[in-house]
Protein backbone atom coordinates (compact mmCIF):
# COMPACT_ATOMS: atom_id res chain seq x y z
CA MET A 1 118.80 99.74 139.81
CA SER A 2 120.14 96.30 138.37
CA ALA A 3 121.91 96.56 134.50
CA SER A 4 119.08 94.25 133.11
CA LEU A 5 116.29 96.50 134.73
CA LYS A 6 118.15 99.60 133.32
CA VAL A 7 118.51 98.29 130.00
CA LEU A 8 114.91 97.16 129.90
CA LYS A 9 113.30 100.44 131.47
CA SER A 10 115.73 102.19 128.73
CA ALA A 11 114.53 99.83 126.18
CA GLY A 12 110.98 100.83 126.72
CA LEU A 13 111.74 104.40 126.24
CA LEU A 14 113.57 104.10 123.21
CA LEU A 15 110.12 102.12 121.96
CA SER A 16 108.36 105.02 122.87
CA ILE A 17 110.75 107.50 120.91
CA GLN A 18 110.88 105.19 118.01
CA LEU A 19 106.68 104.55 118.67
CA VAL A 20 106.34 108.28 117.76
CA GLN A 21 109.08 109.12 115.02
CA ARG A 22 109.02 105.83 113.15
CA GLY A 23 104.88 106.02 113.47
CA LEU A 24 104.88 109.64 112.20
CA GLY A 25 107.50 108.23 109.68
CA ILE A 26 105.21 105.58 108.23
CA ILE A 27 102.29 107.89 108.10
CA SER A 28 104.12 109.93 106.23
CA THR A 29 105.48 107.51 103.97
CA LEU A 30 102.23 105.79 103.14
CA ILE A 31 100.65 109.66 102.14
CA LEU A 32 103.63 110.03 100.12
CA ALA A 33 103.40 106.50 98.41
CA ARG A 34 99.62 107.85 97.15
CA LEU A 35 100.89 111.21 96.25
CA LEU A 36 104.04 110.37 94.01
CA ALA A 37 104.79 108.03 91.40
CA PRO A 38 107.52 105.46 91.46
CA GLU A 39 109.70 107.89 89.33
CA HIS A 40 109.32 110.77 92.45
CA PHE A 41 110.62 108.00 94.79
CA GLY A 42 113.13 107.36 92.73
CA ILE A 43 114.88 111.04 92.97
CA ILE A 44 113.57 110.74 96.49
CA ALA A 45 116.02 107.91 96.75
CA LEU A 46 118.91 109.20 95.32
CA VAL A 47 118.44 112.30 97.52
CA THR A 48 118.39 109.70 100.41
CA ILE A 49 121.26 107.62 99.14
CA ALA A 50 123.42 110.71 98.68
CA LEU A 51 122.62 112.06 102.20
CA GLN A 52 123.10 108.83 103.94
CA PHE A 53 126.82 108.97 102.55
CA PHE A 54 127.77 112.09 103.54
CA GLU A 55 126.15 111.40 107.16
CA LEU A 56 128.43 108.28 107.41
CA LEU A 57 131.15 110.39 106.21
CA VAL A 58 130.87 112.52 108.76
CA GLU A 59 130.26 109.81 111.85
CA THR A 60 132.70 110.52 114.09
CA GLY A 61 131.66 107.65 116.24
CA ASN A 62 131.90 109.85 119.56
CA GLN A 63 129.01 108.25 121.04
CA GLN A 64 129.90 105.27 120.74
CA TYR A 65 133.82 106.18 122.17
CA ILE A 66 131.70 108.26 125.32
CA VAL A 67 129.68 104.91 125.67
CA GLN A 68 132.73 102.66 125.89
CA LYS A 69 134.83 104.56 127.82
CA GLN A 70 135.62 103.23 131.10
CA THR A 71 135.85 107.36 133.23
CA LEU A 72 134.27 109.95 131.52
CA ASP A 73 134.90 114.09 131.89
CA ASP A 74 134.13 116.97 130.39
CA GLU A 75 137.02 117.62 128.42
CA ASP A 76 135.94 114.11 126.46
CA LEU A 77 132.37 115.94 126.19
CA ASN A 78 133.26 118.92 124.72
CA THR A 79 135.93 117.71 122.20
CA ALA A 80 133.64 115.13 120.84
CA TRP A 81 131.06 118.13 120.56
CA SER A 82 133.77 120.14 118.85
CA MET A 83 134.94 117.63 116.30
CA ASP A 84 131.56 116.71 115.68
CA ILE A 85 130.64 120.96 114.62
CA LEU A 86 134.41 121.07 112.66
CA ILE A 87 133.68 117.67 110.58
CA LYS A 88 130.27 118.13 109.78
CA SER A 89 130.76 121.57 109.03
CA GLY A 90 133.87 120.88 106.30
CA ILE A 91 131.61 117.84 104.93
CA ALA A 92 128.71 120.39 104.50
CA VAL A 93 130.56 123.24 102.36
CA LEU A 94 132.00 119.78 100.29
CA VAL A 95 128.50 118.64 99.42
CA ILE A 96 127.90 122.25 98.56
CA GLY A 97 130.68 122.26 95.93
CA SER A 98 130.22 118.62 94.03
CA ALA A 99 126.67 118.87 94.25
CA PRO A 100 126.14 119.75 90.48
CA ALA A 101 128.89 116.65 89.56
CA LEU A 102 126.95 114.31 91.56
CA ALA A 103 123.86 115.59 90.11
CA ALA A 104 125.35 114.87 86.70
CA TRP A 105 126.58 111.48 87.89
CA PHE A 106 123.19 110.73 88.65
CA GLU A 107 122.08 112.22 85.50
CA GLU A 108 119.48 113.91 87.97
CA PRO A 109 119.55 118.05 87.82
CA ALA A 110 117.11 118.22 90.10
CA LEU A 111 119.66 116.96 92.76
CA THR A 112 121.73 120.33 92.49
CA TRP A 113 120.16 122.36 95.00
CA ALA A 114 118.36 119.72 96.84
CA LEU A 115 122.01 117.74 98.12
CA ALA A 116 123.12 121.48 98.77
CA VAL A 117 120.40 122.66 100.79
CA ALA A 118 119.83 118.88 102.68
CA SER A 119 123.78 119.56 103.75
CA LEU A 120 122.91 122.24 106.31
CA ALA A 121 121.65 120.00 108.49
CA LEU A 122 124.71 118.25 109.14
CA PRO A 123 126.34 121.43 110.91
CA ILE A 124 123.20 122.24 112.71
CA ARG A 125 122.70 118.77 114.30
CA ALA A 126 126.08 118.96 115.45
CA LEU A 127 125.36 122.12 117.39
CA LYS A 128 123.43 119.92 120.24
CA THR A 129 124.80 119.30 123.45
CA PRO A 130 127.25 116.71 124.35
CA GLY A 131 125.41 115.81 127.18
CA MET A 132 122.78 113.99 125.52
CA MET A 133 126.06 111.50 124.46
CA ARG A 134 126.87 111.11 128.25
CA LEU A 135 122.60 110.33 129.01
CA ALA A 136 122.58 107.36 126.68
CA ARG A 137 126.15 106.19 128.30
CA GLU A 138 123.73 106.63 131.57
CA ILE A 139 121.25 104.06 130.20
CA ASN A 140 119.05 107.31 130.57
CA TYR A 141 116.47 108.07 128.07
CA ARG A 142 113.79 109.95 129.35
CA PRO A 143 114.98 113.25 128.80
CA LEU A 144 114.83 112.60 125.28
CA PHE A 145 111.21 111.82 125.04
CA ARG A 146 109.80 115.27 125.25
CA LEU A 147 112.28 116.40 122.73
CA THR A 148 111.58 113.86 120.15
CA LEU A 149 107.55 114.43 120.59
CA TRP A 150 108.26 118.38 119.33
CA GLN A 151 111.16 117.44 117.13
CA LYS A 152 109.27 114.72 114.98
CA GLY A 153 105.90 116.28 115.64
CA LEU A 154 106.91 119.45 113.82
CA SER A 155 108.72 117.96 111.11
CA PHE A 156 105.92 115.71 110.36
CA ILE A 157 103.64 118.61 110.07
CA THR A 158 106.34 120.34 107.91
CA VAL A 159 106.49 117.60 105.31
CA ILE A 160 102.88 116.81 104.80
CA THR A 161 102.12 120.55 104.59
CA ILE A 162 104.61 121.13 101.61
CA ALA A 163 103.78 117.56 100.15
CA PHE A 164 99.94 118.51 99.87
CA ILE A 165 100.96 121.95 98.53
CA GLU A 166 103.53 120.60 96.05
CA PRO A 167 104.77 117.18 95.96
CA SER A 168 108.22 116.62 95.51
CA HIS A 169 111.28 115.77 97.48
CA TRP A 170 111.55 119.06 99.06
CA ALA A 171 109.17 118.43 101.39
CA ILE A 172 111.38 116.08 102.68
CA ILE A 173 114.76 117.95 102.84
CA THR A 174 112.40 120.91 104.25
CA GLY A 175 110.97 118.70 107.67
CA ASN A 176 114.67 117.13 107.93
CA LEU A 177 115.72 120.71 108.45
CA VAL A 178 113.05 121.72 110.86
CA SER A 179 114.09 118.54 112.88
CA ALA A 180 117.40 119.02 113.04
CA ALA A 181 117.19 123.10 114.11
CA ILE A 182 114.86 121.63 116.75
CA LEU A 183 117.09 118.60 117.93
CA ALA A 184 119.65 121.14 118.65
CA ALA A 185 118.25 123.90 120.29
CA GLY A 186 116.42 121.73 122.34
CA SER A 187 118.77 119.51 123.51
CA TYR A 188 120.08 122.60 125.44
CA ARG A 189 116.57 121.98 127.63
CA VAL A 190 117.03 118.84 128.59
CA ASP A 191 120.09 118.78 129.32
CA GLN A 192 122.34 121.53 131.43
CA HIS A 193 126.04 120.71 129.60
CA ARG A 194 126.97 123.39 128.19
CA PRO A 195 129.67 122.95 125.93
CA ARG A 196 133.12 125.26 125.28
CA TRP A 197 135.28 124.52 122.12
CA THR A 198 138.44 122.29 122.94
CA LEU A 199 140.27 119.60 120.56
CA SER A 200 142.25 118.63 123.82
CA ARG A 201 141.18 114.40 123.33
CA PHE A 202 141.26 114.41 119.56
CA ARG A 203 143.84 112.40 119.56
CA GLN A 204 142.36 109.73 121.93
CA GLN A 205 138.95 110.20 120.24
CA TRP A 206 140.14 110.02 116.93
CA GLY A 207 142.20 107.00 117.44
CA PHE A 208 139.01 105.29 118.34
CA SER A 209 136.60 107.02 115.73
CA GLN A 210 138.84 106.74 112.77
CA TRP A 211 138.11 103.16 112.27
CA LEU A 212 134.23 104.09 113.24
CA LEU A 213 134.31 106.69 109.88
CA MET A 214 135.85 103.86 107.68
CA ARG A 215 133.40 101.45 108.48
CA GLY A 216 130.97 104.11 107.90
CA LEU A 217 131.86 104.42 104.70
CA ILE A 218 132.11 100.41 103.94
CA GLY A 219 128.84 99.79 106.07
CA PHE A 220 127.09 102.38 103.46
CA THR A 221 128.38 100.77 100.31
CA ARG A 222 127.20 97.90 101.81
CA SER A 223 123.74 99.07 102.78
CA GLN A 224 122.92 100.69 99.45
CA ILE A 225 124.76 98.78 96.70
CA ASP A 226 122.09 97.46 95.43
CA ASN A 227 119.87 100.67 94.91
CA LEU A 228 122.44 102.12 93.53
CA LEU A 229 123.03 98.88 90.56
CA VAL A 230 119.51 99.18 90.70
CA SER A 231 119.56 103.02 89.53
CA ARG A 232 122.51 102.38 86.76
CA PHE A 233 120.72 98.93 85.43
CA PHE A 234 117.33 99.58 85.65
CA GLY A 235 116.86 103.07 85.79
CA THR A 236 115.12 105.85 88.20
CA THR A 237 111.74 103.93 88.31
CA GLN A 238 112.42 100.83 88.90
CA LEU A 239 114.56 102.10 91.50
CA GLY A 240 111.69 104.06 93.26
CA GLY A 241 109.38 100.56 93.29
CA TYR A 242 112.73 98.59 94.69
CA ASN A 243 113.55 101.18 97.51
CA LEU A 244 110.48 101.70 98.25
CA VAL A 245 109.68 97.79 98.87
CA ARG A 246 112.96 98.03 100.62
CA GLU A 247 112.17 100.28 102.97
CA VAL A 248 108.78 99.11 103.68
CA SER A 249 110.72 95.45 104.91
CA LEU A 250 112.98 97.57 107.12
CA LEU A 251 109.82 99.56 108.96
CA PRO A 252 110.10 97.25 112.35
CA ALA A 253 113.80 97.57 112.54
CA LEU A 254 114.33 100.86 112.51
CA SER A 255 110.88 101.73 114.12
CA ALA A 256 111.55 99.69 117.05
CA ILE A 257 114.14 96.93 117.07
CA ILE A 258 117.21 98.66 116.76
CA PRO A 259 116.44 101.42 118.61
CA MET A 260 115.39 99.11 121.34
CA SER A 261 118.33 97.21 121.37
CA GLU A 262 120.80 100.28 121.72
CA PRO A 263 121.19 100.15 125.62
CA LEU A 264 122.75 96.50 125.18
CA LEU A 265 125.19 98.64 123.95
CA ALA A 266 126.10 99.95 127.31
CA ALA A 267 124.97 96.97 129.16
CA ILE A 268 127.56 94.85 127.30
CA ALA A 269 130.07 97.12 127.75
CA GLU A 270 130.11 97.29 131.46
CA VAL A 271 131.23 93.93 131.71
CA LYS A 272 133.43 93.41 128.18
CA SER A 273 136.56 92.82 131.48
CA ARG A 274 134.35 89.45 132.64
CA PRO A 275 134.52 86.91 129.99
CA GLU A 276 131.77 84.73 131.84
CA ALA A 277 129.04 87.69 132.62
CA LEU A 278 129.94 88.85 128.71
CA ALA A 279 129.48 85.80 127.26
CA TYR A 280 126.04 85.57 129.22
CA ARG A 281 124.66 88.77 128.20
CA VAL A 282 125.61 88.28 124.58
CA GLN A 283 124.09 84.94 124.77
CA LEU A 284 120.70 86.31 126.17
CA SER A 285 120.88 89.42 123.85
CA LEU A 286 121.06 87.24 120.79
CA ALA A 287 117.97 84.95 121.97
CA LEU A 288 116.18 87.98 122.39
CA MET A 289 116.92 89.32 119.15
CA ILE A 290 116.03 86.32 117.33
CA SER A 291 112.80 85.37 119.51
CA VAL A 292 111.62 88.70 118.55
CA LEU A 293 112.83 88.96 114.71
CA THR A 294 111.66 85.42 113.70
CA PRO A 295 107.77 86.19 114.16
CA LEU A 296 108.33 89.49 112.30
CA ALA A 297 110.48 88.36 109.46
CA LEU A 298 107.97 85.06 109.05
CA TYR A 299 104.95 87.32 108.52
CA ILE A 300 106.61 89.37 105.64
CA PHE A 301 107.90 86.44 104.20
CA LEU A 302 104.26 84.80 103.74
CA PHE A 303 102.30 87.85 103.11
CA PRO A 304 104.27 89.88 100.98
CA GLU A 305 101.90 91.52 98.42
CA LEU A 306 99.34 91.38 100.97
CA ILE A 307 101.62 93.81 103.01
CA VAL A 308 102.50 96.07 99.78
CA LEU A 309 99.18 96.17 98.80
CA THR A 310 97.54 97.22 102.08
CA LEU A 311 100.40 99.94 102.85
CA LEU A 312 101.43 101.40 99.47
CA GLY A 313 98.02 100.72 97.12
CA GLU A 314 97.40 99.44 94.23
CA GLN A 315 100.23 101.16 91.80
CA TRP A 316 102.93 99.45 93.64
CA THR A 317 101.80 95.76 93.84
CA GLU A 318 104.01 94.70 90.79
CA TYR A 319 106.91 95.09 93.34
CA GLY A 320 105.28 93.05 96.38
CA PRO A 321 107.16 89.84 95.44
CA LEU A 322 110.48 91.64 96.26
CA LEU A 323 108.79 92.10 99.95
CA ARG A 324 109.63 88.19 99.99
CA PRO A 325 113.48 88.02 99.60
CA PHE A 326 113.55 91.50 101.64
CA SER A 327 112.16 89.49 104.99
CA LEU A 328 115.61 87.62 105.20
CA PHE A 329 117.21 91.14 104.75
CA PHE A 330 115.18 92.63 107.22
CA PHE A 331 116.10 89.46 109.94
CA THR A 332 119.59 89.69 109.16
CA PHE A 333 119.76 93.79 109.23
CA CYS A 334 118.87 93.73 113.23
CA LEU A 335 121.01 90.89 113.69
CA PHE A 336 123.81 92.21 112.13
CA ALA A 337 123.57 95.82 113.98
CA LEU A 338 123.37 93.58 117.33
CA LEU A 339 126.74 91.45 116.89
CA SER A 340 128.30 94.57 115.15
CA ASP A 341 127.19 96.73 118.19
CA ALA A 342 128.89 93.88 120.46
CA VAL A 343 131.97 94.04 118.69
CA ILE A 344 132.28 97.67 119.12
CA ALA A 345 131.09 97.06 123.02
CA MET A 346 134.48 95.00 123.07
CA GLY A 347 136.49 97.97 121.53
CA ARG A 348 137.21 95.83 118.58
CA VAL A 349 136.58 98.44 116.00
CA ARG A 350 139.42 97.56 113.74
CA ALA A 351 138.78 93.95 113.37
CA LEU A 352 135.27 94.94 112.85
CA PHE A 353 136.72 97.45 109.74
CA PHE A 354 138.24 94.74 108.11
CA PHE A 355 135.72 92.32 108.43
CA ASP A 356 133.37 94.45 106.76
CA LEU A 357 135.46 95.56 103.74
CA VAL A 358 136.06 92.12 103.01
CA SER A 359 132.49 91.31 103.02
CA THR A 360 131.29 94.09 101.17
CA SER A 361 133.87 93.48 98.33
CA MET A 362 132.18 89.91 98.02
CA ILE A 363 128.62 91.52 98.12
CA ILE A 364 129.35 94.22 95.16
CA ALA A 365 130.96 91.38 92.74
CA ILE A 366 128.15 89.07 93.59
CA LEU A 367 125.48 91.67 93.22
CA PHE A 368 127.19 92.79 89.64
CA TYR A 369 127.20 89.72 88.19
CA PHE A 370 123.90 88.35 89.48
CA GLY A 371 121.82 91.69 89.81
CA ARG A 372 121.72 92.19 86.35
CA ALA A 373 118.85 89.74 85.61
CA GLY A 374 115.97 91.88 87.74
CA LEU A 375 114.55 93.05 90.14
CA GLU A 376 113.92 90.21 91.47
CA ASN A 377 117.53 88.41 90.89
CA MET A 378 118.82 92.17 92.71
CA ALA A 379 116.32 91.32 95.30
CA TRP A 380 117.12 87.76 96.38
CA ALA A 381 120.89 87.99 95.80
CA ARG A 382 120.82 90.68 98.78
CA GLY A 383 118.85 88.52 100.90
CA VAL A 384 120.90 85.72 100.67
CA LEU A 385 124.18 87.64 100.97
CA ALA A 386 123.39 89.30 104.12
CA VAL A 387 122.53 86.08 105.38
CA PHE A 388 126.30 84.60 104.93
CA THR A 389 127.93 88.15 106.18
CA THR A 390 125.35 87.64 109.75
CA VAL A 391 126.56 83.86 110.22
CA ALA A 392 130.16 84.63 109.35
CA LEU A 393 130.24 87.88 112.17
CA LEU A 394 128.36 85.54 114.73
CA ALA A 395 130.94 82.90 114.32
CA ILE A 396 133.73 85.42 114.66
CA LEU A 397 132.03 86.97 117.89
CA ARG A 398 131.81 83.44 119.57
CA SER A 399 135.54 82.57 119.23
CA TRP A 400 136.17 85.77 120.92
CA VAL A 401 133.27 85.83 123.74
CA GLY A 402 132.64 81.96 124.27
CA PHE A 403 128.75 81.58 124.45
CA SER A 404 126.90 78.59 122.90
CA ILE A 405 124.99 78.86 119.96
CA LEU A 406 123.52 75.94 121.00
CA ARG A 407 121.93 77.52 124.32
CA VAL A 408 121.15 80.68 121.96
CA ALA A 409 119.12 77.88 119.86
CA TRP A 410 117.43 76.22 122.91
CA LEU A 411 116.51 79.84 124.25
CA CYS A 412 114.95 80.63 120.41
CA PHE A 413 113.06 77.42 120.36
CA PRO A 414 109.77 78.50 121.49
CA ALA A 415 109.34 81.63 119.47
CA ILE A 416 110.62 79.88 116.33
CA THR A 417 108.33 77.18 116.74
CA SER A 418 105.72 79.08 118.07
CA SER A 419 105.95 81.52 114.80
CA ALA A 420 106.08 78.31 112.00
CA ALA A 421 102.96 77.25 113.61
CA ALA A 422 101.28 80.68 114.03
CA GLY A 423 102.10 81.27 110.47
CA TRP A 424 100.74 77.68 109.11
CA LEU A 425 97.74 78.38 110.80
CA ALA A 426 97.46 82.29 109.50
CA PHE A 427 98.46 81.38 105.97
CA ARG A 428 95.23 78.70 105.24
CA ILE A 429 92.70 81.82 106.38
CA ASP A 430 90.88 82.35 103.17
CA THR A 431 90.93 85.88 102.31
CA ALA A 432 89.78 85.77 98.70
CA ASP A 433 87.13 87.86 98.64
CA MET A 434 88.13 89.80 101.83
CA HIS A 435 89.42 93.95 101.33
CA ALA A 436 93.08 94.41 101.57
CA VAL A 437 92.99 96.28 104.72
CA VAL A 438 90.76 93.62 106.40
CA ALA A 439 92.60 90.06 105.51
CA PHE A 440 95.79 92.65 106.58
CA LEU A 441 94.10 93.06 110.06
CA ILE A 442 93.12 89.42 110.53
CA THR A 443 95.75 87.39 109.48
CA GLY A 444 97.99 89.97 110.96
CA SER A 445 96.56 89.48 114.64
CA PHE A 446 95.95 86.27 114.52
CA PHE A 447 99.34 85.43 113.35
CA ILE A 448 100.47 88.05 116.64
CA VAL A 449 97.96 86.45 119.01
CA SER A 450 98.95 83.36 118.01
CA THR A 451 102.57 83.26 118.51
CA ALA A 452 102.49 85.21 121.35
CA ALA A 453 100.47 82.78 123.28
CA LEU A 454 102.17 79.53 121.91
CA SER A 455 105.46 81.37 122.48
CA TRP A 456 104.68 81.73 126.21
CA LEU A 457 103.22 78.35 126.89
CA THR A 458 106.08 76.84 125.27
CA GLY A 459 108.65 78.66 127.00
CA TYR A 460 107.36 78.44 130.15
CA GLY A 461 106.93 74.63 129.67
CA LEU A 462 110.61 74.28 128.60
CA LEU A 463 112.68 77.66 129.54
CA ARG A 464 110.79 78.24 133.22
CA ARG A 465 113.72 76.95 135.13
CA SER A 466 117.02 78.57 133.44
CA GLU A 467 118.43 81.47 134.33
CA GLU A 468 117.77 83.68 131.46
CA TRP A 469 113.84 82.76 132.49
CA GLN A 470 114.16 83.79 135.88
CA GLN A 471 116.14 85.93 135.35
CA LEU A 472 113.83 87.90 132.89
CA HIS A 473 110.73 87.01 135.00
CA HIS A 474 112.51 88.98 137.93
CA THR A 475 113.46 91.84 136.34
CA MET A 476 109.47 92.48 134.33
CA ARG A 477 108.16 91.85 138.06
CA THR A 478 110.41 94.55 139.58
CA MET A 479 109.57 97.05 136.26
CA ILE A 480 106.03 96.47 137.11
CA ARG A 481 105.75 97.04 141.03
CA ALA A 482 108.66 100.18 139.95
CA ARG A 483 105.54 101.53 137.39
CA SER A 484 103.00 100.81 140.14
CA SER A 485 104.31 102.37 143.21
């Protein structure tokens, strides 16, 4: 099977997995948005920020190490598993001990027990078989699909049940623990590898992973600094609205786009020693990503208040304008993730760490200076800064790989122009007398159908003789025949 076909088939499976995961997550969020007030979401945001910090603190980068390694044996897998358990168990103990101090710093006493209990998910998830990493290396995500159905389904039932009985952050924490337990236990049903304790390859893995760990800390700071500053400048209630709208803007990214791009890491790693093939795959990956992101980001930019009113309800409409600058954040969030994965696949983790360190320092300084004026200033500053850092990383990657920016722009031209035309038409639909849900469905459906049709027509007219178009066309036909046979 060709690498392109494997990537596309795996991307389809990952999309199915994420449709289950994020679909239930979106439903859960929409239900909770109608059960909880902004101040409640502020507390949830603080819990989430703290948990994400500790999640990143214990991210050993073992999967990235396994995926990019040229040769792999059981000692590599078992060492990765042992390191994961050792580090995550230690961090869980640290979280439990520091929970009172963190609660005092955030001025939220409820965080003490919430963080202590939530930290138990770290060592539980670490118990999953390392054979799951080998499946990712082989671009084989089919065994994960059934496990995901059980994991997210039972977690969703737990969250919603508790939320209806007693709406609070405990619903999310309990659901997270249930999800971790099912993942750990179920992984041994979908993969036959049975690990044993060993740290024989600790030095090699840590030499690779230490930079990912430090980069994770920097990345967390960059991704959450605006939330932290909002909580300090404007209080918990404003943080609740700001963070929820920010999360809504990232729903397409976390639900489908980033997970679907995960197989590209393995595909790029396969050809990292062949400059021409590497440049071609990075170039094609960027063109595909931008072509998908452009219409989604444009729709978010054009209809922010309608999206917030439809998805979250009237109590959140005052935060609707924040969604417009967050459309920039969404676009660059996905593109930056792809660029980072390409750099990691090339083995340049240390250089990526220093780039993140410098760019994050600049982001913190600028947000601290400009963000005090209000939530919208903070959101716009965050969106514009995300654009600049993404462009900078793109320029660095181009200097290493040597792909053509003009070629990427030409490949993206059909999607960009079609999105602009469809957006212009959709924005002129009169929805003044329509219910919000009806207006959302009409404008969204019209925009999607128009963009897809115009993109295909334009692409066929301009790109059908290109190597990239021919490859995608051949891969899609091969995949369709494989499905039907």
